[in-house]
Amino acid sequence: ELMDWLIDLCYKNPGFITFLQQFDFYFSIKENQNPRINEFESEIMKLFPYWYDSMEKGISDGSIRHDLSVVDTVALIIRTFVSLQQRILTRDFILPLDESFDRQLQMRMLKDMVISYLANK
């Protein structure tokens, strides 16, 4: 459900994903970080307990592998989904070939790959 939320975010709030990309780019080239960056980080971190709890529950009930770092896994999932969304929304029609890709299918495939990787088989 959390990955579905990330997928839906791309299509329901494309401006937010574009904002995140521009925000990241802006702060990556600044020498001094804006003091309000900590406020932004605290807002982003409010989502983390949902992800952390779902991973911990999956590990506890045996549906998710126990050999994974929860923090690193959650960070990777979110960064991967958001990076793909940013690519889709802001830079995905550079080559004529790009128009032949089904972006929603790609997001669902990414979700399936993550779930397959996490599964305790």
C-alpha atoms as a PDB file:
ATOM      1  CA  GLU A   1       0.000   0.000   0.000  1.00  0.00           C
ATOM      2  CA  LEU A   2       2.846   2.405   0.743  1.00  0.00           C
ATOM      3  CA  MET A   3       4.375   1.791  -2.669  1.00  0.00           C
ATOM      4  CA  ASP A   4       0.952   2.302  -4.279  1.00  0.00           C
ATOM      5  CA  TRP A   5       0.836   5.632  -2.439  1.00  0.00           C
ATOM      6  CA  LEU A   6       4.204   6.573  -3.947  1.00  0.00           C
ATOM      7  CA  ILE A   7       2.982   5.606  -7.414  1.00  0.00           C
ATOM      8  CA  ASP A   8      -0.252   7.576  -6.995  1.00  0.00           C
ATOM      9  CA  LEU A   9       1.697  10.594  -5.757  1.00  0.00           C
ATOM     10  CA  CYS A  10       3.313  10.884  -9.167  1.00  0.00           C
ATOM     11  CA  TYR A  11       0.010  11.080 -11.006  1.00  0.00           C
ATOM     12  CA  LYS A  12      -2.122  12.911  -8.454  1.00  0.00           C
ATOM     13  CA  ASN A  13       0.514  15.519  -7.481  1.00  0.00           C
ATOM     14  CA  PRO A  14       3.021  15.793 -10.320  1.00  0.00           C
ATOM     15  CA  GLY A  15       3.909  19.325  -9.260  1.00  0.00           C
ATOM     16  CA  PHE A  16       5.157  18.043  -5.902  1.00  0.00           C
ATOM     17  CA  ILE A  17       7.513  15.548  -7.548  1.00  0.00           C
ATOM     18  CA  THR A  18       8.797  18.282  -9.881  1.00  0.00           C
ATOM     19  CA  PHE A  19       9.242  20.570  -6.868  1.00  0.00           C
ATOM     20  CA  LEU A  20      11.293  17.887  -5.081  1.00  0.00           C
ATOM     21  CA  GLN A  21      13.585  17.582  -8.067  1.00  0.00           C
ATOM     22  CA  GLN A  22      14.110  21.332  -8.301  1.00  0.00           C
ATOM     23  CA  PHE A  23      14.507  21.551  -4.522  1.00  0.00           C
ATOM     24  CA  ASP A  24      17.187  18.831  -4.576  1.00  0.00           C
ATOM     25  CA  PHE A  25      18.999  20.488  -7.441  1.00  0.00           C
ATOM     26  CA  TYR A  26      18.885  23.931  -5.804  1.00  0.00           C
ATOM     27  CA  PHE A  27      20.329  22.706  -2.525  1.00  0.00           C
ATOM     28  CA  SER A  28      22.910  20.492  -4.204  1.00  0.00           C
ATOM     29  CA  ILE A  29      24.593  23.527  -5.784  1.00  0.00           C
ATOM     30  CA  LYS A  30      24.395  25.856  -2.791  1.00  0.00           C
ATOM     31  CA  GLU A  31      27.480  26.168  -0.627  1.00  0.00           C
ATOM     32  CA  ASN A  32      25.519  26.939   2.511  1.00  0.00           C
ATOM     33  CA  GLN A  33      22.343  25.108   3.293  1.00  0.00           C
ATOM     34  CA  ASN A  34      19.289  27.128   4.135  1.00  0.00           C
ATOM     35  CA  PRO A  35      18.600  26.943   7.877  1.00  0.00           C
ATOM     36  CA  ARG A  36      15.023  25.865   7.077  1.00  0.00           C
ATOM     37  CA  ILE A  37      16.306  22.630   5.539  1.00  0.00           C
ATOM     38  CA  ASN A  38      15.950  21.045   8.978  1.00  0.00           C
ATOM     39  CA  GLU A  39      12.255  21.952   9.012  1.00  0.00           C
ATOM     40  CA  PHE A  40      11.822  20.305   5.629  1.00  0.00           C
ATOM     41  CA  GLU A  41      13.645  17.203   6.814  1.00  0.00           C
ATOM     42  CA  SER A  42      11.453  16.916   9.901  1.00  0.00           C
ATOM     43  CA  GLU A  43       8.335  17.033   7.713  1.00  0.00           C
ATOM     44  CA  ILE A  44       9.714  14.324   5.425  1.00  0.00           C
ATOM     45  CA  MET A  45      10.680  12.192   8.423  1.00  0.00           C
ATOM     46  CA  LYS A  46       7.058  12.152   9.616  1.00  0.00           C
ATOM     47  CA  LEU A  47       6.421   9.572   6.895  1.00  0.00           C
ATOM     48  CA  PHE A  48       9.255   7.310   7.979  1.00  0.00           C
ATOM     49  CA  PRO A  49       7.452   5.557  10.892  1.00  0.00           C
ATOM     50  CA  TYR A  50       4.816   4.181   8.513  1.00  0.00           C
ATOM     51  CA  TRP A  51       7.498   2.613   6.349  1.00  0.00           C
ATOM     52  CA  TYR A  52       9.588   1.444   9.284  1.00  0.00           C
ATOM     53  CA  ASP A  53       6.591  -0.124  11.032  1.00  0.00           C
ATOM     54  CA  SER A  54       5.443  -1.946   7.911  1.00  0.00           C
ATOM     55  CA  MET A  55       8.933  -3.380   7.375  1.00  0.00           C
ATOM     56  CA  GLU A  56       9.218  -4.418  11.027  1.00  0.00           C
ATOM     57  CA  LYS A  57       5.791  -6.092  10.932  1.00  0.00           C
ATOM     58  CA  GLY A  58       6.752  -7.961   7.768  1.00  0.00           C
ATOM     59  CA  ILE A  59      10.000  -9.138   9.338  1.00  0.00           C
ATOM     60  CA  SER A  60       8.151 -10.190  12.503  1.00  0.00           C
ATOM     61  CA  ASP A  61       5.466 -12.165  10.652  1.00  0.00           C
ATOM     62  CA  GLY A  62       8.037 -13.730   8.318  1.00  0.00           C
ATOM     63  CA  SER A  63       6.762 -12.199   5.077  1.00  0.00           C
ATOM     64  CA  ILE A  64       9.843  -9.957   4.689  1.00  0.00           C
ATOM     65  CA  ARG A  65      13.443 -11.096   4.798  1.00  0.00           C
ATOM     66  CA  HIS A  66      15.116 -10.544   8.141  1.00  0.00           C
ATOM     67  CA  ASP A  67      18.609  -9.918   6.742  1.00  0.00           C
ATOM     68  CA  LEU A  68      17.854  -6.401   5.469  1.00  0.00           C
ATOM     69  CA  SER A  69      18.616  -3.085   7.082  1.00  0.00           C
ATOM     70  CA  VAL A  70      15.194  -1.509   7.546  1.00  0.00           C
ATOM     71  CA  VAL A  71      16.529   2.054   7.375  1.00  0.00           C
ATOM     72  CA  ASP A  72      18.584   1.446   4.221  1.00  0.00           C
ATOM     73  CA  THR A  73      15.782  -0.500   2.563  1.00  0.00           C
ATOM     74  CA  VAL A  74      13.173   2.186   3.216  1.00  0.00           C
ATOM     75  CA  ALA A  75      15.534   4.923   2.015  1.00  0.00           C
ATOM     76  CA  LEU A  76      16.319   2.956  -1.156  1.00  0.00           C
ATOM     77  CA  ILE A  77      12.654   2.291  -1.925  1.00  0.00           C
ATOM     78  CA  ILE A  78      11.632   5.920  -1.506  1.00  0.00           C
ATOM     79  CA  ARG A  79      14.630   7.305  -3.391  1.00  0.00           C
ATOM     80  CA  THR A  80      14.159   4.849  -6.248  1.00  0.00           C
ATOM     81  CA  PHE A  81      10.458   5.568  -6.675  1.00  0.00           C
ATOM     82  CA  VAL A  82      10.898   9.332  -6.420  1.00  0.00           C
ATOM     83  CA  SER A  83      13.862   9.315  -8.831  1.00  0.00           C
ATOM     84  CA  LEU A  84      11.890   7.350 -11.411  1.00  0.00           C
ATOM     85  CA  GLN A  85       8.931   9.672 -10.953  1.00  0.00           C
ATOM     86  CA  GLN A  86      11.133  12.723 -11.414  1.00  0.00           C
ATOM     87  CA  ARG A  87      12.551  11.212 -14.573  1.00  0.00           C
ATOM     88  CA  ILE A  88       9.087  10.392 -15.873  1.00  0.00           C
ATOM     89  CA  LEU A  89       7.659  13.822 -15.107  1.00  0.00           C
ATOM     90  CA  THR A  90      10.501  16.093 -16.091  1.00  0.00           C
ATOM     91  CA  ARG A  91      12.878  14.420 -18.534  1.00  0.00           C
ATOM     92  CA  ASP A  92      11.232  11.417 -20.058  1.00  0.00           C
ATOM     93  CA  PHE A  93      10.501  12.604 -23.597  1.00  0.00           C
ATOM     94  CA  ILE A  94      13.973  13.398 -24.835  1.00  0.00           C
ATOM     95  CA  LEU A  95      14.262  10.638 -27.431  1.00  0.00           C
ATOM     96  CA  PRO A  96      11.407   9.618 -29.762  1.00  0.00           C
ATOM     97  CA  LEU A  97      11.737   6.102 -28.316  1.00  0.00           C
ATOM     98  CA  ASP A  98      10.713   7.484 -24.899  1.00  0.00           C
ATOM     99  CA  GLU A  99       7.152   7.934 -26.125  1.00  0.00           C
ATOM    100  CA  SER A 100       6.725   4.181 -26.521  1.00  0.00           C
ATOM    101  CA  PHE A 101       7.188   3.379 -22.817  1.00  0.00           C
ATOM    102  CA  ASP A 102       4.243   2.864 -20.477  1.00  0.00           C
ATOM    103  CA  ARG A 103       5.242   4.885 -17.435  1.00  0.00           C
ATOM    104  CA  GLN A 104       2.520   3.524 -15.161  1.00  0.00           C
ATOM    105  CA  LEU A 105       3.508  -0.008 -16.098  1.00  0.00           C
ATOM    106  CA  GLN A 106       7.115   0.811 -15.230  1.00  0.00           C
ATOM    107  CA  MET A 107       6.061   2.054 -11.790  1.00  0.00           C
ATOM    108  CA  ARG A 108       4.051  -1.125 -11.161  1.00  0.00           C
ATOM    109  CA  MET A 109       6.976  -3.245 -12.357  1.00  0.00           C
ATOM    110  CA  LEU A 110       9.286  -1.451  -9.935  1.00  0.00           C
ATOM    111  CA  LYS A 111       6.830  -2.156  -7.128  1.00  0.00           C
ATOM    112  CA  ASP A 112       6.707  -5.849  -8.083  1.00  0.00           C
ATOM    113  CA  MET A 113      10.517  -6.030  -8.174  1.00  0.00           C
ATOM    114  CA  VAL A 114      10.807  -4.478  -4.711  1.00  0.00           C
ATOM    115  CA  ILE A 115       8.179  -6.789  -3.253  1.00  0.00           C
ATOM    116  CA  SER A 116       9.860  -9.801  -4.847  1.00  0.00           C
ATOM    117  CA  TYR A 117      13.218  -8.763  -3.387  1.00  0.00           C
ATOM    118  CA  LEU A 118      11.780  -8.195   0.082  1.00  0.00           C
ATOM    119  CA  ALA A 119       9.846 -11.464   0.165  1.00  0.00           C
ATOM    120  CA  ASN A 120      11.089 -14.062   2.598  1.00  0.00           C
ATOM    121  CA  LYS A 121      11.209 -17.098   0.327  1.00  0.00           C
END
